[in-house]
Each structure stands twice: as structure tokens, then as C-alpha cells.
């Protein structure tokens, strides 16, 4: 599925647009996904990740090495 964070696993939420007359139509709450490049010293190259805003904060807090190790353990292709 598109618009998914590789680190946190956040996906779009679904709901309704509610008009003034209270008619409801389907809508989608997309995740704030950004494409970020990080240099990973253990791999000796840069890695492109699709991260949500919260995912970027996780990488800042834990470090790219730890995050990449978890992704590889899960079998994510980098």
C-alpha cells in the first residue's frame, strides 16, 4: 500500500467528509510521508527511506544504524 511509513508502519486512515447538510462521503487521511536519504556507515552507502514525520523523529532518537538493523531483521529491502 502506498503512503506507508517503513519505520512505524503508519498507514492511511479512513473516514467521512461531512458537509453542512450532514451528507457523508468517503475520504482518506493520508500519513505525512517524506522520502529521506541517510548515510549508513555500516553499509558504506546511502539508504532511501519513506518515513512519516514520527518516523523521522524515531531515526533521530534511536540512530540510523539501529533503525536499519530492525528493518533488515524484518526483511525490508534497502
PDB file of N, CA and C in Angstrom:
ATOM      1  N   UNK A   1       0.843  -1.184   0.000  1.00  0.00           N
ATOM      2  CA  UNK A   1       0.000   0.000   0.000  1.00  0.00           C
ATOM      3  C   UNK A   1       0.885   1.241   0.000  1.00  0.00           C
ATOM      4  N   UNK A   2       0.522   2.213  -0.779  1.00  0.00           N
ATOM      5  CA  UNK A   2       1.288   3.448  -0.819  1.00  0.00           C
ATOM      6  C   UNK A   2       1.054   4.252   0.451  1.00  0.00           C
ATOM      7  N   UNK A   3       1.849   5.279   0.635  1.00  0.00           N
ATOM      8  CA  UNK A   3       1.718   6.185   1.787  1.00  0.00           C
ATOM      9  C   UNK A   3       1.852   5.445   3.114  1.00  0.00           C
ATOM     10  N   UNK A   4       2.863   4.581   3.209  1.00  0.00           N
ATOM     11  CA  UNK A   4       3.109   3.835   4.438  1.00  0.00           C
ATOM     12  C   UNK A   4       4.513   4.140   4.927  1.00  0.00           C
ATOM     13  N   UNK A   5       4.658   4.353   6.223  1.00  0.00           N
ATOM     14  CA  UNK A   5       5.961   4.607   6.823  1.00  0.00           C
ATOM     15  C   UNK A   5       6.694   3.281   7.011  1.00  0.00           C
ATOM     16  N   UNK A   6       7.954   3.217   6.580  1.00  0.00           N
ATOM     17  CA  UNK A   6       8.726   1.986   6.696  1.00  0.00           C
ATOM     18  C   UNK A   6       9.150   1.701   8.134  1.00  0.00           C
ATOM     19  N   UNK A   7       9.265   2.720   8.957  1.00  0.00           N
ATOM     20  CA  UNK A   7       9.740   2.527  10.329  1.00  0.00           C
ATOM     21  C   UNK A   7       8.584   2.256  11.285  1.00  0.00           C
ATOM     22  N   UNK A   8       7.582   3.110  11.285  1.00  0.00           N
ATOM     23  CA  UNK A   8       6.498   2.982  12.253  1.00  0.00           C
ATOM     24  C   UNK A   8       5.334   2.140  11.741  1.00  0.00           C
ATOM     25  N   UNK A   9       5.235   1.961  10.432  1.00  0.00           N
ATOM     26  CA  UNK A   9       4.140   1.173   9.868  1.00  0.00           C
ATOM     27  C   UNK A   9       2.829   1.916   9.767  1.00  0.00           C
ATOM     28  N   UNK A  10       2.856   3.227   9.968  1.00  0.00           N
ATOM     29  CA  UNK A  10       1.615   4.012   9.889  1.00  0.00           C
ATOM     30  C   UNK A  10       1.058   3.959   8.471  1.00  0.00           C
ATOM     31  N   UNK A  11      -0.269   3.783   8.373  1.00  0.00           N
ATOM     32  CA  UNK A  11      -0.965   3.713   7.099  1.00  0.00           C
ATOM     33  C   UNK A  11      -2.092   4.732   7.090  1.00  0.00           C
ATOM     34  N   UNK A  12      -2.668   5.011   5.913  1.00  0.00           N
ATOM     35  CA  UNK A  12      -3.765   5.970   5.868  1.00  0.00           C
ATOM     36  C   UNK A  12      -4.956   5.511   6.697  1.00  0.00           C
ATOM     37  N   UNK A  13      -5.636   6.502   7.295  1.00  0.00           N
ATOM     38  CA  UNK A  13      -6.886   6.227   7.996  1.00  0.00           C
ATOM     39  C   UNK A  13      -8.032   6.613   7.082  1.00  0.00           C
ATOM     40  N   UNK A  14      -9.211   6.073   7.346  1.00  0.00           N
ATOM     41  CA  UNK A  14     -10.359   6.354   6.506  1.00  0.00           C
ATOM     42  C   UNK A  14     -11.473   6.943   7.340  1.00  0.00           C
ATOM     43  N   UNK A  15     -12.295   7.756   6.707  1.00  0.00           N
ATOM     44  CA  UNK A  15     -13.394   8.391   7.412  1.00  0.00           C
ATOM     45  C   UNK A  15     -14.363   9.004   6.421  1.00  0.00           C
ATOM     46  N   UNK A  16     -15.043  10.058   6.843  1.00  0.00           N
ATOM     47  CA  UNK A  16     -16.045  10.712   6.007  1.00  0.00           C
ATOM     48  C   UNK A  16     -15.798  12.205   5.930  1.00  0.00           C
ATOM     49  N   UNK A  17     -16.083  12.787   4.764  1.00  0.00           N
ATOM     50  CA  UNK A  17     -16.288  14.226   4.668  1.00  0.00           C
ATOM     51  C   UNK A  17     -17.710  14.444   5.154  1.00  0.00           C
ATOM     52  N   UNK A  18     -17.928  15.415   6.015  1.00  0.00           N
ATOM     53  CA  UNK A  18     -19.285  15.698   6.482  1.00  0.00           C
ATOM     54  C   UNK A  18     -19.624  17.115   6.040  1.00  0.00           C
ATOM     55  N   UNK A  19     -20.610  17.226   5.162  1.00  0.00           N
ATOM     56  CA  UNK A  19     -20.989  18.529   4.622  1.00  0.00           C
ATOM     57  C   UNK A  19     -21.862  19.283   5.624  1.00  0.00           C
ATOM     58  N   UNK A  20     -22.205  20.491   5.265  1.00  0.00           N
ATOM     59  CA  UNK A  20     -23.064  21.306   6.125  1.00  0.00           C
ATOM     60  C   UNK A  20     -24.419  20.630   6.356  1.00  0.00           C
ATOM     61  N   UNK A  21     -24.926  19.952   5.319  1.00  0.00           N
ATOM     62  CA  UNK A  21     -26.216  19.268   5.451  1.00  0.00           C
ATOM     63  C   UNK A  21     -26.064  17.876   6.059  1.00  0.00           C
ATOM     64  N   UNK A  22     -24.861  17.527   6.466  1.00  0.00           N
ATOM     65  CA  UNK A  22     -24.523  16.263   7.125  1.00  0.00           C
ATOM     66  C   UNK A  22     -24.531  15.055   6.205  1.00  0.00           C
ATOM     67  N   UNK A  23     -24.420  15.266   4.894  1.00  0.00           N
ATOM     68  CA  UNK A  23     -24.233  14.142   3.971  1.00  0.00           C
ATOM     69  C   UNK A  23     -22.793  13.679   4.115  1.00  0.00           C
ATOM     70  N   UNK A  24     -22.577  12.395   4.097  1.00  0.00           N
ATOM     71  CA  UNK A  24     -21.237  11.859   4.318  1.00  0.00           C
ATOM     72  C   UNK A  24     -20.721  11.183   3.057  1.00  0.00           C
ATOM     73  N   UNK A  25     -19.490  11.498   2.694  1.00  0.00           N
ATOM     74  CA  UNK A  25     -18.810  10.824   1.594  1.00  0.00           C
ATOM     75  C   UNK A  25     -17.464  10.345   2.098  1.00  0.00           C
ATOM     76  N   UNK A  26     -16.977   9.286   1.507  1.00  0.00           N
ATOM     77  CA  UNK A  26     -15.724   8.681   1.970  1.00  0.00           C
ATOM     78  C   UNK A  26     -14.539   9.612   1.724  1.00  0.00           C
ATOM     79  N   UNK A  27     -13.570   9.570   2.614  1.00  0.00           N
ATOM     80  CA  UNK A  27     -12.318  10.297   2.448  1.00  0.00           C
ATOM     81  C   UNK A  27     -11.200   9.503   3.067  1.00  0.00           C
ATOM     82  N   UNK A  28      -9.987   9.971   2.831  1.00  0.00           N
ATOM     83  CA  UNK A  28      -8.814   9.247   3.285  1.00  0.00           C
ATOM     84  C   UNK A  28      -7.884  10.227   3.993  1.00  0.00           C
ATOM     85  N   UNK A  29      -7.431   9.886   5.192  1.00  0.00           N
ATOM     86  CA  UNK A  29      -6.485  10.704   5.941  1.00  0.00           C
ATOM     87  C   UNK A  29      -5.098  10.144   5.671  1.00  0.00           C
ATOM     88  N   UNK A  30      -4.347  10.785   4.772  1.00  0.00           N
ATOM     89  CA  UNK A  30      -3.026  10.284   4.412  1.00  0.00           C
ATOM     90  C   UNK A  30      -2.005  10.600   5.494  1.00  0.00           C
ATOM     91  N   UNK A  31      -1.001   9.743   5.580  1.00  0.00           N
ATOM     92  CA  UNK A  31       0.109   9.921   6.505  1.00  0.00           C
ATOM     93  C   UNK A  31       1.090  10.904   5.874  1.00  0.00           C
ATOM     94  N   UNK A  32       1.731  11.717   6.688  1.00  0.00           N
ATOM     95  CA  UNK A  32       2.708  12.693   6.199  1.00  0.00           C
ATOM     96  C   UNK A  32       4.022  11.964   5.897  1.00  0.00           C
ATOM     97  N   UNK A  33       4.092  11.343   4.705  1.00  0.00           N
ATOM     98  CA  UNK A  33       5.243  10.525   4.326  1.00  0.00           C
ATOM     99  C   UNK A  33       6.225  11.354   3.510  1.00  0.00           C
ATOM    100  N   UNK A  34       7.485  11.309   3.907  1.00  0.00           N
ATOM    101  CA  UNK A  34       8.565  12.008   3.213  1.00  0.00           C
ATOM    102  C   UNK A  34       9.604  10.977   2.776  1.00  0.00           C
ATOM    103  N   UNK A  35      10.280  11.245   1.673  1.00  0.00           N
ATOM    104  CA  UNK A  35      11.396  10.397   1.253  1.00  0.00           C
ATOM    105  C   UNK A  35      12.674  11.034   1.772  1.00  0.00           C
ATOM    106  N   UNK A  36      13.412  10.291   2.597  1.00  0.00           N
ATOM    107  CA  UNK A  36      14.642  10.812   3.205  1.00  0.00           C
ATOM    108  C   UNK A  36      15.804   9.910   2.832  1.00  0.00           C
ATOM    109  N   UNK A  37      16.980  10.506   2.652  1.00  0.00           N
ATOM    110  CA  UNK A  37      18.202   9.746   2.396  1.00  0.00           C
ATOM    111  C   UNK A  37      19.105   9.858   3.607  1.00  0.00           C
ATOM    112  N   UNK A  38      19.602   8.719   4.068  1.00  0.00           N
ATOM    113  CA  UNK A  38      20.509   8.678   5.209  1.00  0.00           C
ATOM    114  C   UNK A  38      21.769   7.923   4.791  1.00  0.00           C
ATOM    115  N   UNK A  39      22.927   8.372   5.270  1.00  0.00           N
ATOM    116  CA  UNK A  39      24.163   7.627   5.061  1.00  0.00           C
ATOM    117  C   UNK A  39      24.321   6.640   6.204  1.00  0.00           C
ATOM    118  N   UNK A  40      24.502   5.364   5.848  1.00  0.00           N
ATOM    119  CA  UNK A  40      24.659   4.301   6.843  1.00  0.00           C
ATOM    120  C   UNK A  40      26.114   3.836   6.801  1.00  0.00           C
ATOM    121  N   UNK A  41      26.903   4.168   7.837  1.00  0.00           N
ATOM    122  CA  UNK A  41      28.327   3.817   7.818  1.00  0.00           C
ATOM    123  C   UNK A  41      28.592   2.317   7.735  1.00  0.00           C
ATOM    124  N   UNK A  42      27.753   1.489   8.376  1.00  0.00           N
ATOM    125  CA  UNK A  42      28.000   0.042   8.355  1.00  0.00           C
ATOM    126  C   UNK A  42      27.808  -0.542   6.952  1.00  0.00           C
ATOM    127  N   UNK A  43      26.908   0.052   6.157  1.00  0.00           N
ATOM    128  CA  UNK A  43      26.710  -0.402   4.782  1.00  0.00           C
ATOM    129  C   UNK A  43      27.650   0.317   3.818  1.00  0.00           C
ATOM    130  N   UNK A  44      28.149   1.480   4.229  1.00  0.00           N
ATOM    131  CA  UNK A  44      29.043   2.268   3.379  1.00  0.00           C
ATOM    132  C   UNK A  44      28.343   2.952   2.228  1.00  0.00           C
ATOM    133  N   UNK A  45      27.029   3.203   2.370  1.00  0.00           N
ATOM    134  CA  UNK A  45      26.273   3.854   1.297  1.00  0.00           C
ATOM    135  C   UNK A  45      25.064   4.574   1.885  1.00  0.00           C
ATOM    136  N   UNK A  46      24.371   5.307   1.027  1.00  0.00           N
ATOM    137  CA  UNK A  46      23.152   5.975   1.466  1.00  0.00           C
ATOM    138  C   UNK A  46      21.966   5.038   1.273  1.00  0.00           C
ATOM    139  N   UNK A  47      20.942   5.259   2.086  1.00  0.00           N
ATOM    140  CA  UNK A  47      19.718   4.464   2.038  1.00  0.00           C
ATOM    141  C   UNK A  47      18.558   5.426   1.931  1.00  0.00           C
ATOM    142  N   UNK A  48      17.622   5.147   0.991  1.00  0.00           N
ATOM    143  CA  UNK A  48      16.438   5.973   0.823  1.00  0.00           C
ATOM    144  C   UNK A  48      15.287   5.319   1.564  1.00  0.00           C
ATOM    145  N   UNK A  49      14.647   6.067   2.463  1.00  0.00           N
ATOM    146  CA  UNK A  49      13.533   5.532   3.245  1.00  0.00           C
ATOM    147  C   UNK A  49      12.301   6.409   3.066  1.00  0.00           C
ATOM    148  N   UNK A  50      11.116   5.785   3.084  1.00  0.00           N
ATOM    149  CA  UNK A  50       9.851   6.534   3.088  1.00  0.00           C
ATOM    150  C   UNK A  50       9.384   6.588   4.532  1.00  0.00           C
ATOM    151  N   UNK A  51       9.491   7.772   5.129  1.00  0.00           N
ATOM    152  CA  UNK A  51       9.233   7.925   6.560  1.00  0.00           C
ATOM    153  C   UNK A  51       8.126   8.931   6.816  1.00  0.00           C
ATOM    154  N   UNK A  52       7.343   8.665   7.853  1.00  0.00           N
ATOM    155  CA  UNK A  52       6.386   9.651   8.328  1.00  0.00           C
ATOM    156  C   UNK A  52       7.151  10.655   9.190  1.00  0.00           C
ATOM    157  N   UNK A  53       6.491  11.722   9.577  1.00  0.00           N
ATOM    158  CA  UNK A  53       7.128  12.724  10.431  1.00  0.00           C
ATOM    159  C   UNK A  53       7.561  12.088  11.746  1.00  0.00           C
ATOM    160  N   UNK A  54       6.745  11.196  12.294  1.00  0.00           N
ATOM    161  CA  UNK A  54       7.111  10.497  13.521  1.00  0.00           C
ATOM    162  C   UNK A  54       8.277   9.546  13.275  1.00  0.00           C
ATOM    163  N   UNK A  55       8.321   8.917  12.106  1.00  0.00           N
ATOM    164  CA  UNK A  55       9.419   8.017  11.760  1.00  0.00           C
ATOM    165  C   UNK A  55      10.754   8.739  11.702  1.00  0.00           C
ATOM    166  N   UNK A  56      10.750   9.981  11.219  1.00  0.00           N
ATOM    167  CA  UNK A  56      11.976  10.791  11.177  1.00  0.00           C
ATOM    168  C   UNK A  56      12.458  11.057  12.594  1.00  0.00           C
ATOM    169  N   UNK A  57      11.527  11.329  13.506  1.00  0.00           N
ATOM    170  CA  UNK A  57      11.892  11.563  14.900  1.00  0.00           C
ATOM    171  C   UNK A  57      12.443  10.293  15.545  1.00  0.00           C
ATOM    172  N   UNK A  58      11.910   9.138  15.168  1.00  0.00           N
ATOM    173  CA  UNK A  58      12.417   7.861  15.685  1.00  0.00           C
ATOM    174  C   UNK A  58      13.854   7.655  15.233  1.00  0.00           C
ATOM    175  N   UNK A  59      14.137   7.945  13.970  1.00  0.00           N
ATOM    176  CA  UNK A  59      15.506   7.805  13.455  1.00  0.00           C
ATOM    177  C   UNK A  59      16.441   8.766  14.186  1.00  0.00           C
ATOM    178  N   UNK A  60      15.990   9.984  14.437  1.00  0.00           N
ATOM    179  CA  UNK A  60      16.815  10.949  15.166  1.00  0.00           C
ATOM    180  C   UNK A  60      17.106  10.475  16.589  1.00  0.00           C
ATOM    181  N   UNK A  61      16.125   9.846  17.224  1.00  0.00           N
ATOM    182  CA  UNK A  61      16.287   9.424  18.617  1.00  0.00           C
ATOM    183  C   UNK A  61      17.122   8.154  18.737  1.00  0.00           C
ATOM    184  N   UNK A  62      16.833   7.151  17.916  1.00  0.00           N
ATOM    185  CA  UNK A  62      17.499   5.848  18.041  1.00  0.00           C
ATOM    186  C   UNK A  62      18.773   5.742  17.227  1.00  0.00           C
ATOM    187  N   UNK A  63      18.885   6.528  16.149  1.00  0.00           N
ATOM    188  CA  UNK A  63      20.039   6.437  15.269  1.00  0.00           C
ATOM    189  C   UNK A  63      19.727   5.570  14.067  1.00  0.00           C
ATOM    190  N   UNK A  64      20.348   5.908  12.939  1.00  0.00           N
ATOM    191  CA  UNK A  64      20.057   5.219  11.683  1.00  0.00           C
ATOM    192  C   UNK A  64      20.540   3.770  11.718  1.00  0.00           C
ATOM    193  N   UNK A  65      21.647   3.492  12.415  1.00  0.00           N
ATOM    194  CA  UNK A  65      22.169   2.123  12.474  1.00  0.00           C
ATOM    195  C   UNK A  65      21.158   1.174  13.120  1.00  0.00           C
ATOM    196  N   UNK A  66      20.582   1.601  14.231  1.00  0.00           N
ATOM    197  CA  UNK A  66      19.602   0.782  14.942  1.00  0.00           C
ATOM    198  C   UNK A  66      18.351   0.570  14.107  1.00  0.00           C
ATOM    199  N   UNK A  67      17.883   1.615  13.441  1.00  0.00           N
ATOM    200  CA  UNK A  67      16.666   1.526  12.630  1.00  0.00           C
ATOM    201  C   UNK A  67      16.891   0.603  11.433  1.00  0.00           C
ATOM    202  N   UNK A  68      18.045   0.740  10.777  1.00  0.00           N
ATOM    203  CA  UNK A  68      18.345  -0.113   9.626  1.00  0.00           C
ATOM    204  C   UNK A  68      18.471  -1.576  10.056  1.00  0.00           C
ATOM    205  N   UNK A  69      19.049  -1.824  11.218  1.00  0.00           N
ATOM    206  CA  UNK A  69      19.160  -3.193  11.726  1.00  0.00           C
ATOM    207  C   UNK A  69      17.769  -3.796  11.938  1.00  0.00           C
ATOM    208  N   UNK A  70      16.838  -3.024  12.495  1.00  0.00           N
ATOM    209  CA  UNK A  70      15.476  -3.508  12.695  1.00  0.00           C
ATOM    210  C   UNK A  70      14.775  -3.774  11.366  1.00  0.00           C
ATOM    211  N   UNK A  71      14.967  -2.877  10.395  1.00  0.00           N
ATOM    212  CA  UNK A  71      14.347  -3.060   9.085  1.00  0.00           C
ATOM    213  C   UNK A  71      14.870  -4.321   8.404  1.00  0.00           C
ATOM    214  N   UNK A  72      16.172  -4.559   8.486  1.00  0.00           N
ATOM    215  CA  UNK A  72      16.754  -5.748   7.866  1.00  0.00           C
ATOM    216  C   UNK A  72      16.276  -7.019   8.560  1.00  0.00           C
ATOM    217  N   UNK A  73      16.092  -6.968   9.871  1.00  0.00           N
ATOM    218  CA  UNK A  73      15.572  -8.100  10.625  1.00  0.00           C
ATOM    219  C   UNK A  73      14.145  -8.441  10.172  1.00  0.00           C
ATOM    220  N   UNK A  74      13.377  -7.395   9.825  1.00  0.00           N
ATOM    221  CA  UNK A  74      12.010  -7.597   9.343  1.00  0.00           C
ATOM    222  C   UNK A  74      11.958  -8.047   7.886  1.00  0.00           C
ATOM    223  N   UNK A  75      13.113  -7.970   7.190  1.00  0.00           N
ATOM    224  CA  UNK A  75      13.167  -8.404   5.791  1.00  0.00           C
ATOM    225  C   UNK A  75      12.850  -7.320   4.786  1.00  0.00           C
ATOM    226  N   UNK A  76      12.962  -6.066   5.189  1.00  0.00           N
ATOM    227  CA  UNK A  76      12.705  -4.950   4.275  1.00  0.00           C
ATOM    228  C   UNK A  76      13.898  -4.781   3.360  1.00  0.00           C
ATOM    229  N   UNK A  77      13.638  -4.652   2.055  1.00  0.00           N
ATOM    230  CA  UNK A  77      14.716  -4.463   1.072  1.00  0.00           C
ATOM    231  C   UNK A  77      15.194  -3.020   1.152  1.00  0.00           C
ATOM    232  N   UNK A  78      16.506  -2.815   1.338  1.00  0.00           N
ATOM    233  CA  UNK A  78      17.060  -1.456   1.413  1.00  0.00           C
ATOM    234  C   UNK A  78      17.936  -1.156   0.222  1.00  0.00           C
TER     235      UNK A  78
END
